[in-house]
Amino acid sequence: MKTIDINLPASKSISNRLLILNRLCFDAAKILNLSEADDTKLLQFVLNEINIKKELYSFNLKNAGTTYRFLTSFLSTLDGSYELLCDDRMKKRPIDELVDALLSIGANIKYIENKGFPPLKINGKKISGGEVTLSSQKSSQFISSLLLVAPFFKNGLKINIVGEQTSTPYIEMTLKLLNIFGASFTAKENFIFVPSQKLKAPKQISVEADWSASAIWYAFATLFINIEFFLPLLNSNSIQGDSCLLKIYEQLGVNSLFEKEGVKISKISKPKVDYFEQNLKHTPDLMPTLSVNLCLLGIKFKLTGLENLKIKESNRIHAIKECLENFGYIIYTQNSGAIEWKGEKRKIENFSAVLNSYNDHRIAMACSLFSKEKIISINDKTCVEKSYPNFWNEYEKLGI
């Protein structure tokens, strides 16, 4: 069996959280294997720029959702005036819950254009803290954004969490990283309390490889019989929620063998299921790759818990539905909260080989799976640089 060594990007989610925490500790920790994704580079740029004294800082954060939300809370606590600009897509991604929470504890934030949406004008100041109420259903990043700065509030911060919780592994990731920086907190199902405290940065910390990025290689593993992939710097006790790929792809016939330096994955059997149903409310980023993969394997499926995907880099349910229907798959969606394939497929008369990535990194990578069967073209394939800058170079190792 041929082994292909795949270079994975470092986790963008971990990297961005570490950059904020480390800056609050005066960059005391040495961060190893930091992500080279566009979002992380943009965050680094902003953190470096604010060291230079200016009357007004103006940053265009494009469509970097995590970076935008983390900086909204972080800059609200720093003396200075800041404009956080963005591209047209970001202007459609609501940020009102985070802004309302910050305003309720004394922040000074104004909407530059439309109420509830970026861009924002922030006048930073000391914030005492207190108590806020948020839902994780729109974005768990709102909660993580507040948690990262909560230890520095004079009165700490209590976050009451209401409604059905989604993407909770990302909140748990934030808490685990806070703990690495010495923070104490109380976390219950419906609230998190972080008291005022000084953090203590570790001497150094290494960022895990990105489990979200590994999804595409797990998918390719199901499509190749005589190829195994070695994915370095992944471990079985990861703090990343998308490590649930292990159990998902075990059902689809892929074995994961952990070694000292990473994990080796290969197809060892036919899929163990002919129908796949899963609620992805805690790991919604897996939907694009998993949907395409299941169709290519001929496995009927229903994926639910996807309500917040309509406010990602694209409306991901719409984007994947369009992509799959281009290949004849008849796809059903339910109020943007679910996507389903019942096994129906229509005959394609006018096949278009050009697939629309919607300038969304996860859509572009998911679409690449079709190249196993057909010659295709993906418009704006450079969008993968948002999370996986080296993806197409790694893809060429497949020899497709």
Protein backbone atom coordinates (compact mmCIF):
# COMPACT_ATOMS: atom_id res chain seq x y z
CA MET A 1 0.00 0.00 0.00
CA LYS A 2 1.31 3.44 -0.94
CA THR A 3 1.69 5.97 1.89
CA ILE A 4 1.24 9.68 1.22
CA ASP A 5 2.54 12.08 3.85
CA ILE A 6 0.19 15.05 4.14
CA ASN A 7 1.20 18.39 5.66
CA LEU A 8 -1.70 19.74 7.66
CA PRO A 9 -2.03 23.37 8.75
CA ALA A 10 -1.88 24.22 12.42
CA SER A 11 -5.25 24.78 14.05
CA LYS A 12 -6.51 28.25 13.26
CA SER A 13 -8.97 28.09 16.14
CA ILE A 14 -6.29 27.34 18.71
CA SER A 15 -3.80 29.81 17.18
CA ASN A 16 -6.20 32.76 17.27
CA ARG A 17 -7.17 32.12 20.88
CA LEU A 18 -3.53 31.79 21.91
CA LEU A 19 -2.57 35.05 20.21
CA ILE A 20 -5.19 36.99 22.21
CA LEU A 21 -4.31 35.32 25.52
CA ASN A 22 -0.60 35.73 24.94
CA ARG A 23 -0.94 39.43 24.11
CA LEU A 24 -2.86 39.93 27.36
CA CYS A 25 0.17 38.34 29.06
CA PHE A 26 2.56 40.69 27.23
CA ASP A 27 3.53 37.95 24.74
CA ALA A 28 5.31 35.99 27.48
CA ALA A 29 4.76 32.56 25.88
CA LYS A 30 6.61 31.19 22.89
CA ILE A 31 4.00 29.79 20.50
CA LEU A 32 5.23 26.93 18.32
CA ASN A 33 3.57 25.76 15.08
CA LEU A 34 1.37 28.85 14.80
CA SER A 35 -1.17 28.76 11.97
CA GLU A 36 -0.23 30.40 8.67
CA ALA A 37 -3.86 30.83 7.66
CA ASP A 38 -4.98 34.25 6.39
CA ASP A 39 -7.19 34.82 9.45
CA THR A 40 -4.30 34.24 11.85
CA LYS A 41 -1.90 36.40 9.85
CA LEU A 42 -4.47 39.18 9.89
CA LEU A 43 -4.87 38.91 13.65
CA GLN A 44 -1.09 39.01 14.10
CA PHE A 45 -0.92 42.12 11.91
CA VAL A 46 -3.50 43.95 14.01
CA LEU A 47 -1.84 42.98 17.28
CA ASN A 48 1.48 44.27 15.98
CA GLU A 49 -0.01 47.51 14.62
CA ILE A 50 -1.63 48.55 17.89
CA ASN A 51 1.85 48.82 19.41
CA ILE A 52 2.26 51.96 17.30
CA LYS A 53 0.53 54.99 18.82
CA LYS A 54 -2.19 56.44 16.56
CA GLU A 55 -5.26 58.62 17.04
CA LEU A 56 -7.36 56.19 15.02
CA TYR A 57 -6.60 52.63 14.00
CA SER A 58 -8.43 51.41 10.91
CA PHE A 59 -8.30 47.74 9.98
CA ASN A 60 -10.01 45.91 7.12
CA LEU A 61 -10.63 42.42 8.48
CA LYS A 62 -12.24 41.26 5.22
CA ASN A 63 -14.32 38.13 5.93
CA ALA A 64 -12.29 36.85 8.88
CA GLY A 65 -15.13 35.99 11.26
CA THR A 66 -13.11 34.64 14.20
CA THR A 67 -10.58 37.47 14.00
CA TYR A 68 -13.35 40.07 13.81
CA ARG A 69 -15.24 38.74 16.83
CA PHE A 70 -12.18 38.21 19.01
CA LEU A 71 -10.88 41.72 18.26
CA THR A 72 -14.27 43.28 19.00
CA SER A 73 -13.99 42.26 22.66
CA PHE A 74 -10.21 42.64 22.91
CA LEU A 75 -10.05 46.17 21.48
CA SER A 76 -13.04 47.26 23.58
CA THR A 77 -10.79 46.86 26.64
CA LEU A 78 -7.79 48.81 25.26
CA ASP A 79 -7.41 52.58 25.28
CA GLY A 80 -7.70 53.92 21.73
CA SER A 81 -10.10 54.37 18.82
CA TYR A 82 -10.54 51.57 16.33
CA GLU A 83 -12.44 51.07 13.07
CA LEU A 84 -13.04 47.44 12.21
CA LEU A 85 -13.91 47.38 8.51
CA CYS A 86 -14.77 44.29 6.45
CA ASP A 87 -15.92 42.97 3.08
CA ASP A 88 -19.52 42.71 1.83
CA ARG A 89 -20.02 39.13 3.04
CA MET A 90 -18.96 40.02 6.58
CA LYS A 91 -21.46 42.88 6.55
CA LYS A 92 -24.20 40.23 6.34
CA ARG A 93 -22.93 38.26 9.36
CA PRO A 94 -24.71 39.50 12.51
CA ILE A 95 -22.67 40.62 15.50
CA ASP A 96 -25.43 42.26 17.56
CA GLU A 97 -25.43 39.72 20.41
CA LEU A 98 -21.73 40.26 21.08
CA VAL A 99 -21.99 44.04 20.78
CA ASP A 100 -25.08 44.17 23.02
CA ALA A 101 -23.29 42.09 25.66
CA LEU A 102 -20.25 44.37 25.60
CA LEU A 103 -22.39 47.52 25.71
CA SER A 104 -24.26 46.16 28.74
CA ILE A 105 -21.00 46.01 30.74
CA GLY A 106 -19.78 49.44 29.70
CA ALA A 107 -18.08 49.14 26.30
CA ASN A 108 -18.28 51.98 23.76
CA ILE A 109 -19.12 50.53 20.35
CA LYS A 110 -21.03 52.05 17.42
CA TYR A 111 -22.25 50.60 14.15
CA ILE A 112 -20.75 52.39 11.15
CA GLU A 113 -23.40 51.25 8.65
CA ASN A 114 -26.26 48.88 9.54
CA LYS A 115 -27.31 48.21 13.13
CA GLY A 116 -26.45 44.68 14.22
CA PHE A 117 -23.79 44.12 11.58
CA PRO A 118 -20.14 45.05 10.92
CA PRO A 119 -18.35 47.39 10.36
CA LEU A 120 -17.83 48.79 13.86
CA LYS A 121 -16.27 51.83 15.54
CA ILE A 122 -14.80 51.02 18.95
CA ASN A 123 -13.54 53.46 21.58
CA GLY A 124 -11.59 51.26 23.95
CA LYS A 125 -11.73 51.74 27.72
CA LYS A 126 -11.43 49.87 30.99
CA ILE A 127 -14.48 47.68 31.48
CA SER A 128 -15.57 46.60 34.95
CA GLY A 129 -17.34 43.44 33.80
CA GLY A 130 -20.42 41.99 35.42
CA GLU A 131 -23.08 39.73 33.97
CA VAL A 132 -24.28 39.14 30.38
CA THR A 133 -26.67 36.79 28.65
CA LEU A 134 -25.86 35.11 25.34
CA SER A 135 -26.93 32.23 23.12
CA SER A 136 -24.33 30.04 21.42
CA GLN A 137 -26.80 29.25 18.62
CA LYS A 138 -25.75 32.16 16.40
CA SER A 139 -22.05 31.84 17.12
CA SER A 140 -20.11 30.22 19.94
CA GLN A 141 -17.35 32.68 19.00
CA PHE A 142 -19.29 35.46 20.77
CA ILE A 143 -18.93 33.55 24.04
CA SER A 144 -15.28 32.67 23.38
CA SER A 145 -14.55 36.30 22.50
CA LEU A 146 -15.79 37.44 25.92
CA LEU A 147 -14.15 34.59 27.82
CA LEU A 148 -10.70 35.48 26.48
CA VAL A 149 -10.79 38.94 28.06
CA ALA A 150 -12.97 38.14 31.10
CA PRO A 151 -10.07 37.61 33.56
CA PHE A 152 -9.04 41.24 33.06
CA PHE A 153 -12.40 42.75 34.08
CA LYS A 154 -12.37 44.27 37.58
CA ASN A 155 -15.51 42.34 38.54
CA GLY A 156 -14.87 39.33 36.35
CA LEU A 157 -17.64 38.12 34.06
CA LYS A 158 -20.60 35.80 34.37
CA ILE A 159 -22.03 34.62 31.04
CA ASN A 160 -25.55 33.20 31.19
CA ILE A 161 -26.09 30.85 28.23
CA VAL A 162 -29.66 30.53 27.00
CA GLY A 163 -31.33 28.38 24.36
CA GLU A 164 -30.01 25.32 22.59
CA GLN A 165 -26.22 25.28 22.64
CA THR A 166 -24.24 24.73 19.45
CA SER A 167 -20.52 24.41 18.69
CA THR A 168 -19.84 23.87 22.40
CA PRO A 169 -16.47 22.16 21.72
CA TYR A 170 -15.14 25.58 20.69
CA ILE A 171 -16.23 27.07 24.03
CA GLU A 172 -14.60 24.13 25.80
CA MET A 173 -11.44 24.75 23.77
CA THR A 174 -11.38 28.37 24.97
CA LEU A 175 -11.77 27.27 28.59
CA LYS A 176 -9.00 24.68 28.28
CA LEU A 177 -6.63 27.29 26.85
CA LEU A 178 -7.57 29.72 29.63
CA ASN A 179 -6.69 26.96 32.07
CA ILE A 180 -3.27 26.52 30.42
CA PHE A 181 -2.71 30.23 31.11
CA GLY A 182 -3.55 29.65 34.76
CA ALA A 183 -7.14 30.92 34.77
CA SER A 184 -9.72 29.60 37.20
CA PHE A 185 -13.41 29.57 36.32
CA THR A 186 -16.72 27.91 37.09
CA ALA A 187 -18.45 26.32 34.10
CA LYS A 188 -21.96 24.87 34.33
CA GLU A 189 -24.41 23.89 31.60
CA ASN A 190 -26.15 27.27 31.57
CA PHE A 191 -23.48 29.69 32.80
CA ILE A 192 -19.73 30.34 32.98
CA PHE A 193 -18.15 32.58 35.61
CA VAL A 194 -14.59 33.87 35.23
CA PRO A 195 -13.37 35.91 38.22
CA SER A 196 -10.94 38.81 37.91
CA GLN A 197 -7.41 37.41 38.05
CA LYS A 198 -3.90 37.60 36.70
CA LEU A 199 -2.94 35.05 34.07
CA LYS A 200 0.39 33.26 33.95
CA ALA A 201 1.61 32.36 30.48
CA PRO A 202 3.40 29.04 29.95
CA LYS A 203 6.99 29.29 28.72
CA GLN A 204 5.99 27.76 25.43
CA ILE A 205 3.03 26.02 23.86
CA SER A 206 2.69 24.11 20.60
CA VAL A 207 -0.40 24.35 18.41
CA GLU A 208 -2.00 21.09 17.31
CA ALA A 209 -2.54 20.32 13.64
CA ASP A 210 -6.03 21.17 12.45
CA TRP A 211 -8.57 18.37 12.76
CA SER A 212 -11.04 20.36 10.62
CA ALA A 213 -8.52 20.35 7.76
CA SER A 214 -7.97 16.61 8.15
CA ALA A 215 -11.61 15.98 7.16
CA ILE A 216 -10.80 16.24 3.46
CA TRP A 217 -8.10 13.55 3.76
CA TYR A 218 -10.43 11.24 5.67
CA ALA A 219 -12.86 11.73 2.79
CA PHE A 220 -10.23 10.98 0.14
CA ALA A 221 -9.25 7.87 2.14
CA THR A 222 -12.74 6.44 1.49
CA LEU A 223 -12.24 6.90 -2.26
CA PHE A 224 -8.83 5.18 -2.61
CA ILE A 225 -8.29 1.48 -1.92
CA ASN A 226 -4.49 1.23 -2.09
CA ILE A 227 -3.44 4.54 -0.54
CA GLU A 228 -2.97 5.41 3.12
CA PHE A 229 -2.42 8.92 4.41
CA PHE A 230 -0.13 9.94 7.25
CA LEU A 231 -1.34 13.07 9.05
CA PRO A 232 1.29 14.46 11.44
CA LEU A 233 0.74 16.35 14.70
CA LEU A 234 -2.75 14.97 15.30
CA ASN A 235 -3.52 13.19 18.53
CA SER A 236 -6.45 11.21 19.87
CA ASN A 237 -6.96 13.37 22.98
CA SER A 238 -7.27 16.63 21.04
CA ILE A 239 -9.05 19.68 22.44
CA GLN A 240 -10.65 20.15 18.99
CA GLY A 241 -14.26 19.07 18.56
CA ASP A 242 -13.74 17.95 14.96
CA SER A 243 -11.63 15.05 16.23
CA CYS A 244 -15.02 13.26 16.22
CA LEU A 245 -13.97 12.41 12.65
CA LEU A 246 -12.43 9.27 14.14
CA LYS A 247 -15.81 7.78 15.02
CA ILE A 248 -17.60 9.14 11.96
CA TYR A 249 -15.14 7.67 9.50
CA GLU A 250 -14.89 4.38 11.34
CA GLN A 251 -18.50 3.90 10.19
CA LEU A 252 -17.37 4.70 6.64
CA GLY A 253 -14.63 2.05 6.64
CA VAL A 254 -11.59 4.15 7.53
CA ASN A 255 -9.13 3.00 10.18
CA SER A 256 -7.11 5.49 12.26
CA LEU A 257 -3.80 4.20 13.62
CA PHE A 258 -2.11 6.64 16.00
CA GLU A 259 1.65 6.71 16.09
CA LYS A 260 4.10 8.88 18.02
CA GLU A 261 4.18 11.63 15.37
CA GLY A 262 0.60 11.55 14.10
CA VAL A 263 -2.10 9.28 12.68
CA LYS A 264 -2.14 6.94 9.69
CA ILE A 265 -5.53 6.56 8.01
CA SER A 266 -6.63 4.06 5.36
CA LYS A 267 -9.73 2.39 3.98
CA ILE A 268 -9.91 -1.12 5.42
CA SER A 269 -13.50 -2.09 4.64
CA LYS A 270 -16.64 -1.08 2.85
CA PRO A 271 -18.78 1.46 4.74
CA LYS A 272 -20.59 -0.17 7.64
CA VAL A 273 -23.77 1.82 6.97
CA ASP A 274 -26.01 2.45 3.97
CA TYR A 275 -27.76 5.36 5.70
CA PHE A 276 -26.00 8.02 7.76
CA GLU A 277 -27.74 10.47 10.08
CA GLN A 278 -26.02 12.82 12.51
CA ASN A 279 -26.63 16.05 14.33
CA LEU A 280 -23.63 18.29 13.62
CA LYS A 281 -24.68 21.18 15.87
CA HIS A 282 -21.34 20.99 17.70
CA THR A 283 -19.19 20.36 14.60
CA PRO A 284 -20.96 22.14 11.69
CA ASP A 285 -17.73 22.76 9.72
CA LEU A 286 -17.74 19.07 8.77
CA MET A 287 -20.96 19.36 6.76
CA PRO A 288 -19.57 20.38 3.32
CA THR A 289 -16.96 17.62 3.06
CA LEU A 290 -19.18 14.99 4.66
CA SER A 291 -22.14 15.75 2.36
CA VAL A 292 -20.08 15.43 -0.82
CA ASN A 293 -18.29 12.35 0.50
CA LEU A 294 -21.50 10.51 1.39
CA CYS A 295 -22.98 11.21 -2.04
CA LEU A 296 -19.87 9.89 -3.78
CA LEU A 297 -20.06 6.74 -1.62
CA GLY A 298 -23.74 6.31 -2.52
CA ILE A 299 -24.79 6.53 1.14
CA LYS A 300 -28.13 8.21 1.83
CA PHE A 301 -27.86 10.75 4.61
CA LYS A 302 -29.45 13.44 6.73
CA LEU A 303 -27.29 15.99 8.55
CA THR A 304 -29.00 18.28 11.05
CA GLY A 305 -28.10 21.03 13.53
CA LEU A 306 -26.83 23.30 10.77
CA GLU A 307 -28.78 26.51 11.46
CA ASN A 308 -25.73 28.74 11.87
CA LEU A 309 -24.14 27.72 8.55
CA LYS A 310 -26.12 30.35 6.68
CA ILE A 311 -23.97 33.06 8.32
CA LYS A 312 -20.56 31.51 7.66
CA GLU A 313 -18.19 32.60 4.86
CA SER A 314 -21.05 31.60 2.56
CA ASN A 315 -24.50 30.15 3.11
CA ARG A 316 -22.92 26.71 3.21
CA ILE A 317 -26.10 24.67 2.92
CA HIS A 318 -27.12 26.57 -0.22
CA ALA A 319 -23.59 26.33 -1.64
CA ILE A 320 -23.26 22.55 -1.14
CA LYS A 321 -26.82 21.93 -2.38
CA GLU A 322 -25.99 23.79 -5.60
CA CYS A 323 -22.71 21.92 -5.96
CA LEU A 324 -24.28 18.48 -5.50
CA GLU A 325 -27.22 19.23 -7.78
CA ASN A 326 -24.72 20.16 -10.47
CA PHE A 327 -23.78 16.46 -10.46
CA GLY A 328 -27.39 15.28 -10.49
CA TYR A 329 -27.93 14.58 -6.79
CA ILE A 330 -31.39 15.63 -5.62
CA ILE A 331 -30.87 17.39 -2.32
CA TYR A 332 -33.44 18.39 0.28
CA THR A 333 -32.94 21.18 2.82
CA GLN A 334 -35.16 22.11 5.76
CA ASN A 335 -35.25 25.73 6.88
CA SER A 336 -31.47 25.92 6.50
CA GLY A 337 -31.11 23.59 9.49
CA ALA A 338 -30.65 20.28 7.68
CA ILE A 339 -29.45 18.77 4.43
CA GLU A 340 -30.61 15.40 3.14
CA TRP A 341 -30.00 13.03 0.21
CA LYS A 342 -32.53 10.20 -0.19
CA GLY A 343 -30.57 8.40 -2.89
CA GLU A 344 -32.31 10.12 -5.80
CA LYS A 345 -30.28 11.27 -8.78
CA ARG A 346 -31.31 12.80 -12.08
CA LYS A 347 -29.67 12.34 -15.45
CA ILE A 348 -27.30 15.21 -16.26
CA GLU A 349 -27.68 16.62 -19.75
CA ASN A 350 -25.76 19.88 -19.50
CA PHE A 351 -23.00 19.22 -17.00
CA SER A 352 -20.95 22.25 -16.01
CA ALA A 353 -17.41 21.45 -14.95
CA VAL A 354 -17.01 24.85 -13.26
CA LEU A 355 -18.00 24.72 -9.58
CA ASN A 356 -18.68 27.81 -7.50
CA SER A 357 -16.65 27.97 -4.29
CA TYR A 358 -18.56 31.06 -3.07
CA ASN A 359 -15.15 32.29 -1.90
CA ASP A 360 -15.48 29.79 0.97
CA HIS A 361 -12.48 27.63 1.86
CA ARG A 362 -14.55 24.68 3.09
CA ILE A 363 -16.72 24.63 -0.03
CA ALA A 364 -13.67 24.66 -2.32
CA MET A 365 -12.03 21.76 -0.50
CA ALA A 366 -15.26 19.74 -0.43
CA CYS A 367 -15.71 20.26 -4.17
CA SER A 368 -12.21 18.88 -4.82
CA LEU A 369 -13.55 15.41 -3.97
CA PHE A 370 -15.43 15.36 -7.29
CA SER A 371 -12.10 15.34 -9.14
CA LYS A 372 -11.82 11.63 -8.29
CA GLU A 373 -14.61 11.02 -10.84
CA LYS A 374 -14.59 13.98 -13.26
CA ILE A 375 -12.38 16.75 -14.57
CA ILE A 376 -13.61 19.87 -12.83
CA SER A 377 -12.68 23.51 -12.33
CA ILE A 378 -13.24 25.42 -9.10
CA ASN A 379 -13.55 29.18 -9.33
CA ASP A 380 -11.53 31.25 -6.88
CA LYS A 381 -9.64 28.25 -5.53
CA THR A 382 -7.30 30.61 -3.63
CA CYS A 383 -9.98 30.98 -0.93
CA VAL A 384 -8.46 27.91 0.79
CA GLU A 385 -5.74 30.24 2.08
CA LYS A 386 -8.18 31.30 4.78
CA SER A 387 -7.49 28.06 6.66
CA TYR A 388 -5.26 25.73 4.58
CA PRO A 389 -2.81 27.78 2.46
CA ASN A 390 -0.92 24.72 1.18
CA PHE A 391 -3.96 22.61 0.33
CA TRP A 392 -3.58 22.49 -3.46
CA ASN A 393 0.09 21.53 -3.19
CA GLU A 394 -0.90 18.64 -0.91
CA TYR A 395 -3.77 17.72 -3.24
CA GLU A 396 -1.30 17.25 -6.13
CA LYS A 397 0.22 14.31 -4.20
CA LEU A 398 -2.92 12.34 -5.09
CA GLY A 399 -1.85 12.30 -8.74
CA ILE A 400 -5.38 13.09 -9.92
